[in-house]
Amino acid sequence: MAEIREARPDDLAALVALEDECEGTDAWSSALIADGLAGNVPTVRYLISDDLAGYAVISCVDDIAELQRIGVRHSHRRSGLDC
């Protein structure tokens, strides 16, 4: 059973790889992701599954949240996620 947790700066390489796999030429840069993980964009949170099968990026301001990005590794798509 996978756990979903907030990503940390040491997850950068895994997140960049997931972003590249899921988004291809539209992938966000490593520098942009690093800024988000470092807390330099205070409204943005990166969430990641502990098995590195997927991730989501959300932006929260007060009581409003926006899903900015969601990605699932190709090998885990359409297989469900228990959390």
PDB file of N, CA and C in Angstrom:
ATOM      1  N   MET A   1       0.844  -1.175   0.000  1.00  0.00           N
ATOM      2  CA  MET A   1       0.000   0.000   0.000  1.00  0.00           C
ATOM      3  C   MET A   1       0.895   1.247   0.000  1.00  0.00           C
ATOM      4  N   ALA A   2       0.721   2.104  -0.966  1.00  0.00           N
ATOM      5  CA  ALA A   2       1.544   3.307  -1.099  1.00  0.00           C
ATOM      6  C   ALA A   2       1.057   4.392  -0.144  1.00  0.00           C
ATOM      7  N   GLU A   3       1.997   5.156   0.329  1.00  0.00           N
ATOM      8  CA  GLU A   3       1.713   6.323   1.153  1.00  0.00           C
ATOM      9  C   GLU A   3       1.964   7.568   0.305  1.00  0.00           C
ATOM     10  N   ILE A   4       1.164   8.590   0.528  1.00  0.00           N
ATOM     11  CA  ILE A   4       1.359   9.873  -0.138  1.00  0.00           C
ATOM     12  C   ILE A   4       1.928  10.818   0.909  1.00  0.00           C
ATOM     13  N   ARG A   5       2.986  11.512   0.542  1.00  0.00           N
ATOM     14  CA  ARG A   5       3.618  12.426   1.486  1.00  0.00           C
ATOM     15  C   ARG A   5       4.073  13.680   0.756  1.00  0.00           C
ATOM     16  N   GLU A   6       4.376  14.714   1.531  1.00  0.00           N
ATOM     17  CA  GLU A   6       4.929  15.917   0.931  1.00  0.00           C
ATOM     18  C   GLU A   6       6.370  15.634   0.526  1.00  0.00           C
ATOM     19  N   ALA A   7       6.714  16.036  -0.681  1.00  0.00           N
ATOM     20  CA  ALA A   7       8.063  15.807  -1.190  1.00  0.00           C
ATOM     21  C   ALA A   7       9.056  16.713  -0.472  1.00  0.00           C
ATOM     22  N   ARG A   8      10.287  16.233  -0.420  1.00  0.00           N
ATOM     23  CA  ARG A   8      11.389  16.950   0.226  1.00  0.00           C
ATOM     24  C   ARG A   8      12.453  17.265  -0.827  1.00  0.00           C
ATOM     25  N   PRO A   9      13.368  18.177  -0.508  1.00  0.00           N
ATOM     26  CA  PRO A   9      14.428  18.487  -1.472  1.00  0.00           C
ATOM     27  C   PRO A   9      15.216  17.267  -1.941  1.00  0.00           C
ATOM     28  N   ASP A  10      15.364  16.241  -1.099  1.00  0.00           N
ATOM     29  CA  ASP A  10      16.105  15.058  -1.543  1.00  0.00           C
ATOM     30  C   ASP A  10      15.315  14.189  -2.516  1.00  0.00           C
ATOM     31  N   ASP A  11      14.069  14.554  -2.801  1.00  0.00           N
ATOM     32  CA  ASP A  11      13.250  13.870  -3.806  1.00  0.00           C
ATOM     33  C   ASP A  11      13.414  14.488  -5.193  1.00  0.00           C
ATOM     34  N   LEU A  12      14.261  15.495  -5.315  1.00  0.00           N
ATOM     35  CA  LEU A  12      14.376  16.240  -6.575  1.00  0.00           C
ATOM     36  C   LEU A  12      14.636  15.330  -7.772  1.00  0.00           C
ATOM     37  N   ALA A  13      15.622  14.472  -7.697  1.00  0.00           N
ATOM     38  CA  ALA A  13      15.955  13.621  -8.854  1.00  0.00           C
ATOM     39  C   ALA A  13      14.776  12.743  -9.253  1.00  0.00           C
ATOM     40  N   ALA A  14      14.087  12.164  -8.274  1.00  0.00           N
ATOM     41  CA  ALA A  14      12.931  11.316  -8.563  1.00  0.00           C
ATOM     42  C   ALA A  14      11.798  12.120  -9.193  1.00  0.00           C
ATOM     43  N   LEU A  15      11.558  13.315  -8.682  1.00  0.00           N
ATOM     44  CA  LEU A  15      10.488  14.151  -9.245  1.00  0.00           C
ATOM     45  C   LEU A  15      10.818  14.619 -10.661  1.00  0.00           C
ATOM     46  N   VAL A  16      12.049  14.975 -10.897  1.00  0.00           N
ATOM     47  CA  VAL A  16      12.455  15.395 -12.246  1.00  0.00           C
ATOM     48  C   VAL A  16      12.279  14.234 -13.224  1.00  0.00           C
ATOM     49  N   ALA A  17      12.649  13.040 -12.805  1.00  0.00           N
ATOM     50  CA  ALA A  17      12.486  11.864 -13.673  1.00  0.00           C
ATOM     51  C   ALA A  17      11.011  11.592 -13.949  1.00  0.00           C
ATOM     52  N   LEU A  18      10.168  11.684 -12.916  1.00  0.00           N
ATOM     53  CA  LEU A  18       8.728  11.488 -13.108  1.00  0.00           C
ATOM     54  C   LEU A  18       8.146  12.559 -14.017  1.00  0.00           C
ATOM     55  N   GLU A  19       8.537  13.793 -13.793  1.00  0.00           N
ATOM     56  CA  GLU A  19       8.049  14.905 -14.620  1.00  0.00           C
ATOM     57  C   GLU A  19       8.445  14.690 -16.080  1.00  0.00           C
ATOM     58  N   ASP A  20       9.686  14.299 -16.317  1.00  0.00           N
ATOM     59  CA  ASP A  20      10.150  14.046 -17.690  1.00  0.00           C
ATOM     60  C   ASP A  20       9.369  12.903 -18.324  1.00  0.00           C
ATOM     61  N   GLU A  21       9.168  11.815 -17.573  1.00  0.00           N
ATOM     62  CA  GLU A  21       8.443  10.665 -18.115  1.00  0.00           C
ATOM     63  C   GLU A  21       6.993  11.016 -18.424  1.00  0.00           C
ATOM     64  N   CYS A  22       6.362  11.757 -17.533  1.00  0.00           N
ATOM     65  CA  CYS A  22       4.928  12.034 -17.675  1.00  0.00           C
ATOM     66  C   CYS A  22       4.627  13.193 -18.621  1.00  0.00           C
ATOM     67  N   GLU A  23       5.502  14.180 -18.680  1.00  0.00           N
ATOM     68  CA  GLU A  23       5.196  15.402 -19.429  1.00  0.00           C
ATOM     69  C   GLU A  23       6.020  15.586 -20.693  1.00  0.00           C
ATOM     70  N   GLY A  24       7.087  14.819 -20.851  1.00  0.00           N
ATOM     71  CA  GLY A  24       7.892  14.924 -22.066  1.00  0.00           C
ATOM     72  C   GLY A  24       8.420  16.322 -22.304  1.00  0.00           C
ATOM     73  N   THR A  25       8.182  16.856 -23.496  1.00  0.00           N
ATOM     74  CA  THR A  25       8.716  18.174 -23.850  1.00  0.00           C
ATOM     75  C   THR A  25       8.075  19.315 -23.056  1.00  0.00           C
ATOM     76  N   ASP A  26       6.947  19.046 -22.390  1.00  0.00           N
ATOM     77  CA  ASP A  26       6.304  20.065 -21.553  1.00  0.00           C
ATOM     78  C   ASP A  26       6.747  19.989 -20.093  1.00  0.00           C
ATOM     79  N   ALA A  27       7.752  19.175 -19.812  1.00  0.00           N
ATOM     80  CA  ALA A  27       8.211  18.992 -18.430  1.00  0.00           C
ATOM     81  C   ALA A  27       8.755  20.291 -17.851  1.00  0.00           C
ATOM     82  N   TRP A  28       8.473  20.491 -16.576  1.00  0.00           N
ATOM     83  CA  TRP A  28       9.040  21.627 -15.857  1.00  0.00           C
ATOM     84  C   TRP A  28      10.521  21.369 -15.632  1.00  0.00           C
ATOM     85  N   SER A  29      11.292  22.427 -15.536  1.00  0.00           N
ATOM     86  CA  SER A  29      12.740  22.306 -15.371  1.00  0.00           C
ATOM     87  C   SER A  29      13.093  21.841 -13.958  1.00  0.00           C
ATOM     88  N   SER A  30      14.263  21.286 -13.857  1.00  0.00           N
ATOM     89  CA  SER A  30      14.788  20.864 -12.559  1.00  0.00           C
ATOM     90  C   SER A  30      14.874  22.059 -11.608  1.00  0.00           C
ATOM     91  N   ALA A  31      15.279  23.215 -12.118  1.00  0.00           N
ATOM     92  CA  ALA A  31      15.404  24.419 -11.286  1.00  0.00           C
ATOM     93  C   ALA A  31      14.050  24.855 -10.733  1.00  0.00           C
ATOM     94  N   LEU A  32      13.008  24.788 -11.551  1.00  0.00           N
ATOM     95  CA  LEU A  32      11.670  25.163 -11.089  1.00  0.00           C
ATOM     96  C   LEU A  32      11.183  24.211 -10.004  1.00  0.00           C
ATOM     97  N   ILE A  33      11.391  22.920 -10.212  1.00  0.00           N
ATOM     98  CA  ILE A  33      10.982  21.936  -9.218  1.00  0.00           C
ATOM     99  C   ILE A  33      11.791  22.124  -7.930  1.00  0.00           C
ATOM    100  N   ALA A  34      13.085  22.363  -8.064  1.00  0.00           N
ATOM    101  CA  ALA A  34      13.941  22.585  -6.892  1.00  0.00           C
ATOM    102  C   ALA A  34      13.459  23.786  -6.081  1.00  0.00           C
ATOM    103  N   ASP A  35      13.063  24.867  -6.762  1.00  0.00           N
ATOM    104  CA  ASP A  35      12.523  26.039  -6.057  1.00  0.00           C
ATOM    105  C   ASP A  35      11.286  25.676  -5.256  1.00  0.00           C
ATOM    106  N   GLY A  36      10.404  24.889  -5.845  1.00  0.00           N
ATOM    107  CA  GLY A  36       9.194  24.485  -5.142  1.00  0.00           C
ATOM    108  C   GLY A  36       9.492  23.621  -3.931  1.00  0.00           C
ATOM    109  N   LEU A  37      10.422  22.684  -4.087  1.00  0.00           N
ATOM    110  CA  LEU A  37      10.781  21.805  -2.977  1.00  0.00           C
ATOM    111  C   LEU A  37      11.484  22.555  -1.855  1.00  0.00           C
ATOM    112  N   ALA A  38      12.221  23.591  -2.208  1.00  0.00           N
ATOM    113  CA  ALA A  38      12.957  24.379  -1.217  1.00  0.00           C
ATOM    114  C   ALA A  38      12.067  25.359  -0.466  1.00  0.00           C
ATOM    115  N   GLY A  39      10.808  25.487  -0.905  1.00  0.00           N
ATOM    116  CA  GLY A  39       9.897  26.418  -0.248  1.00  0.00           C
ATOM    117  C   GLY A  39       9.988  27.834  -0.778  1.00  0.00           C
ATOM    118  N   ASN A  40      10.647  28.017  -1.911  1.00  0.00           N
ATOM    119  CA  ASN A  40      10.788  29.352  -2.493  1.00  0.00           C
ATOM    120  C   ASN A  40       9.524  29.845  -3.180  1.00  0.00           C
ATOM    121  N   VAL A  41       8.570  28.965  -3.363  1.00  0.00           N
ATOM    122  CA  VAL A  41       7.259  29.334  -3.896  1.00  0.00           C
ATOM    123  C   VAL A  41       6.271  28.927  -2.802  1.00  0.00           C
ATOM    124  N   PRO A  42       5.959  29.843  -1.885  1.00  0.00           N
ATOM    125  CA  PRO A  42       5.260  29.470  -0.649  1.00  0.00           C
ATOM    126  C   PRO A  42       3.875  28.852  -0.813  1.00  0.00           C
ATOM    127  N   THR A  43       3.223  29.061  -1.923  1.00  0.00           N
ATOM    128  CA  THR A  43       1.885  28.490  -2.088  1.00  0.00           C
ATOM    129  C   THR A  43       1.907  27.091  -2.684  1.00  0.00           C
ATOM    130  N   VAL A  44       3.057  26.643  -3.162  1.00  0.00           N
ATOM    131  CA  VAL A  44       3.145  25.382  -3.908  1.00  0.00           C
ATOM    132  C   VAL A  44       3.611  24.243  -3.006  1.00  0.00           C
ATOM    133  N   ARG A  45       2.945  23.103  -3.163  1.00  0.00           N
ATOM    134  CA  ARG A  45       3.322  21.877  -2.455  1.00  0.00           C
ATOM    135  C   ARG A  45       3.431  20.745  -3.465  1.00  0.00           C
ATOM    136  N   TYR A  46       4.478  19.971  -3.351  1.00  0.00           N
ATOM    137  CA  TYR A  46       4.672  18.777  -4.166  1.00  0.00           C
ATOM    138  C   TYR A  46       4.333  17.573  -3.302  1.00  0.00           C
ATOM    139  N   LEU A  47       3.491  16.714  -3.804  1.00  0.00           N
ATOM    140  CA  LEU A  47       3.140  15.477  -3.118  1.00  0.00           C
ATOM    141  C   LEU A  47       3.660  14.325  -3.959  1.00  0.00           C
ATOM    142  N   ILE A  48       4.135  13.272  -3.301  1.00  0.00           N
ATOM    143  CA  ILE A  48       4.713  12.140  -4.015  1.00  0.00           C
ATOM    144  C   ILE A  48       4.324  10.854  -3.304  1.00  0.00           C
ATOM    145  N   SER A  49       4.152   9.804  -4.081  1.00  0.00           N
ATOM    146  CA  SER A  49       3.898   8.504  -3.464  1.00  0.00           C
ATOM    147  C   SER A  49       5.246   7.921  -3.047  1.00  0.00           C
ATOM    148  N   ASP A  50       5.258   7.228  -1.922  1.00  0.00           N
ATOM    149  CA  ASP A  50       6.531   6.721  -1.407  1.00  0.00           C
ATOM    150  C   ASP A  50       7.147   5.652  -2.308  1.00  0.00           C
ATOM    151  N   ASP A  51       6.363   5.063  -3.187  1.00  0.00           N
ATOM    152  CA  ASP A  51       6.926   4.101  -4.143  1.00  0.00           C
ATOM    153  C   ASP A  51       7.350   4.772  -5.455  1.00  0.00           C
ATOM    154  N   LEU A  52       7.268   6.098  -5.490  1.00  0.00           N
ATOM    155  CA  LEU A  52       7.663   6.911  -6.640  1.00  0.00           C
ATOM    156  C   LEU A  52       6.865   6.594  -7.897  1.00  0.00           C
ATOM    157  N   ALA A  53       5.637   6.138  -7.726  1.00  0.00           N
ATOM    158  CA  ALA A  53       4.776   5.830  -8.866  1.00  0.00           C
ATOM    159  C   ALA A  53       4.076   7.072  -9.408  1.00  0.00           C
ATOM    160  N   GLY A  54       3.941   8.101  -8.593  1.00  0.00           N
ATOM    161  CA  GLY A  54       3.231   9.281  -9.050  1.00  0.00           C
ATOM    162  C   GLY A  54       3.464  10.480  -8.159  1.00  0.00           C
ATOM    163  N   TYR A  55       2.991  11.611  -8.644  1.00  0.00           N
ATOM    164  CA  TYR A  55       3.154  12.867  -7.912  1.00  0.00           C
ATOM    165  C   TYR A  55       2.031  13.831  -8.282  1.00  0.00           C
ATOM    166  N   ALA A  56       1.887  14.847  -7.466  1.00  0.00           N
ATOM    167  CA  ALA A  56       0.951  15.924  -7.758  1.00  0.00           C
ATOM    168  C   ALA A  56       1.565  17.224  -7.262  1.00  0.00           C
ATOM    169  N   VAL A  57       1.185  18.304  -7.910  1.00  0.00           N
ATOM    170  CA  VAL A  57       1.625  19.628  -7.489  1.00  0.00           C
ATOM    171  C   VAL A  57       0.362  20.441  -7.244  1.00  0.00           C
ATOM    172  N   ILE A  58       0.274  20.994  -6.048  1.00  0.00           N
ATOM    173  CA  ILE A  58      -0.891  21.798  -5.709  1.00  0.00           C
ATOM    174  C   ILE A  58      -0.449  23.189  -5.279  1.00  0.00           C
ATOM    175  N   SER A  59      -1.320  24.149  -5.484  1.00  0.00           N
ATOM    176  CA  SER A  59      -1.105  25.509  -5.023  1.00  0.00           C
ATOM    177  C   SER A  59      -2.265  25.851  -4.099  1.00  0.00           C
ATOM    178  N   CYS A  60      -1.943  26.286  -2.901  1.00  0.00           N
ATOM    179  CA  CYS A  60      -2.976  26.609  -1.903  1.00  0.00           C
ATOM    180  C   CYS A  60      -2.792  28.035  -1.409  1.00  0.00           C
ATOM    181  N   VAL A  61      -3.871  28.786  -1.459  1.00  0.00           N
ATOM    182  CA  VAL A  61      -3.909  30.137  -0.907  1.00  0.00           C
ATOM    183  C   VAL A  61      -5.202  30.239  -0.122  1.00  0.00           C
ATOM    184  N   ASP A  62      -5.071  30.486   1.175  1.00  0.00           N
ATOM    185  CA  ASP A  62      -6.225  30.520   2.073  1.00  0.00           C
ATOM    186  C   ASP A  62      -7.021  29.230   1.931  1.00  0.00           C
ATOM    187  N   ASP A  63      -8.283  29.333   1.563  1.00  0.00           N
ATOM    188  CA  ASP A  63      -9.124  28.136   1.451  1.00  0.00           C
ATOM    189  C   ASP A  63      -9.333  27.706  -0.006  1.00  0.00           C
ATOM    190  N   ILE A  64      -8.462  28.156  -0.884  1.00  0.00           N
ATOM    191  CA  ILE A  64      -8.559  27.799  -2.297  1.00  0.00           C
ATOM    192  C   ILE A  64      -7.340  26.967  -2.686  1.00  0.00           C
ATOM    193  N   ALA A  65      -7.593  25.828  -3.306  1.00  0.00           N
ATOM    194  CA  ALA A  65      -6.511  24.955  -3.775  1.00  0.00           C
ATOM    195  C   ALA A  65      -6.674  24.714  -5.270  1.00  0.00           C
ATOM    196  N   GLU A  66      -5.562  24.621  -5.947  1.00  0.00           N
ATOM    197  CA  GLU A  66      -5.560  24.370  -7.386  1.00  0.00           C
ATOM    198  C   GLU A  66      -4.580  23.242  -7.682  1.00  0.00           C
ATOM    199  N   LEU A  67      -5.039  22.253  -8.411  1.00  0.00           N
ATOM    200  CA  LEU A  67      -4.168  21.174  -8.863  1.00  0.00           C
ATOM    201  C   LEU A  67      -3.429  21.679 -10.091  1.00  0.00           C
ATOM    202  N   GLN A  68      -2.113  21.791  -9.986  1.00  0.00           N
ATOM    203  CA  GLN A  68      -1.320  22.314 -11.090  1.00  0.00           C
ATOM    204  C   GLN A  68      -0.747  21.222 -11.981  1.00  0.00           C
ATOM    205  N   ARG A  69      -0.491  20.077 -11.380  1.00  0.00           N
ATOM    206  CA  ARG A  69       0.162  19.005 -12.131  1.00  0.00           C
ATOM    207  C   ARG A  69      -0.140  17.686 -11.443  1.00  0.00           C
ATOM    208  N   ILE A  70      -0.310  16.660 -12.233  1.00  0.00           N
ATOM    209  CA  ILE A  70      -0.434  15.311 -11.695  1.00  0.00           C
ATOM    210  C   ILE A  70       0.195  14.368 -12.704  1.00  0.00           C
ATOM    211  N   GLY A  71       0.944  13.421 -12.199  1.00  0.00           N
ATOM    212  CA  GLY A  71       1.604  12.483 -13.101  1.00  0.00           C
ATOM    213  C   GLY A  71       1.722  11.111 -12.465  1.00  0.00           C
ATOM    214  N   VAL A  72       1.599  10.103 -13.298  1.00  0.00           N
ATOM    215  CA  VAL A  72       1.729   8.716 -12.861  1.00  0.00           C
ATOM    216  C   VAL A  72       2.684   8.015 -13.815  1.00  0.00           C
ATOM    217  N   ARG A  73       3.652   7.315 -13.248  1.00  0.00           N
ATOM    218  CA  ARG A  73       4.619   6.559 -14.043  1.00  0.00           C
ATOM    219  C   ARG A  73       3.864   5.645 -15.010  1.00  0.00           C
ATOM    220  N   HIS A  74       4.320   5.550 -16.245  1.00  0.00           N
ATOM    221  CA  HIS A  74       3.635   4.755 -17.276  1.00  0.00           C
ATOM    222  C   HIS A  74       3.337   3.345 -16.798  1.00  0.00           C
ATOM    223  N   SER A  75       4.277   2.720 -16.094  1.00  0.00           N
ATOM    224  CA  SER A  75       4.099   1.327 -15.656  1.00  0.00           C
ATOM    225  C   SER A  75       3.054   1.157 -14.562  1.00  0.00           C
ATOM    226  N   HIS A  76       2.602   2.258 -13.965  1.00  0.00           N
ATOM    227  CA  HIS A  76       1.614   2.186 -12.883  1.00  0.00           C
ATOM    228  C   HIS A  76       0.238   2.717 -13.292  1.00  0.00           C
ATOM    229  N   ARG A  77       0.093   3.164 -14.501  1.00  0.00           N
ATOM    230  CA  ARG A  77      -1.186   3.726 -14.944  1.00  0.00           C
ATOM    231  C   ARG A  77      -2.243   2.644 -15.051  1.00  0.00           C
ATOM    232  N   ARG A  78      -3.460   3.025 -14.721  1.00  0.00           N
ATOM    233  CA  ARG A  78      -4.641   2.179 -14.822  1.00  0.00           C
ATOM    234  C   ARG A  78      -4.542   0.925 -13.959  1.00  0.00           C
ATOM    235  N   SER A  79      -3.778   1.023 -12.866  1.00  0.00           N
ATOM    236  CA  SER A  79      -3.636  -0.124 -11.964  1.00  0.00           C
ATOM    237  C   SER A  79      -4.195   0.157 -10.574  1.00  0.00           C
ATOM    238  N   GLY A  80      -4.680   1.376 -10.358  1.00  0.00           N
ATOM    239  CA  GLY A  80      -5.228   1.734  -9.051  1.00  0.00           C
ATOM    240  C   GLY A  80      -4.125   2.046  -8.069  1.00  0.00           C
ATOM    241  N   LEU A  81      -4.502   2.722  -7.008  1.00  0.00           N
ATOM    242  CA  LEU A  81      -3.563   3.083  -5.961  1.00  0.00           C
ATOM    243  C   LEU A  81      -4.265   2.944  -4.645  1.00  0.00           C
ATOM    244  N   ASP A  82      -3.734   2.103  -3.792  1.00  0.00           N
ATOM    245  CA  ASP A  82      -4.260   1.970  -2.437  1.00  0.00           C
ATOM    246  C   ASP A  82      -3.463   2.895  -1.552  1.00  0.00           C
ATOM    247  N   CYS A  83      -4.178   3.790  -0.847  1.00  0.00           N
ATOM    248  CA  CYS A  83      -3.471   4.656   0.091  1.00  0.00           C
ATOM    249  C   CYS A  83      -4.308   4.880   1.323  1.00  0.00           C
TER     250      CYS A  83
END
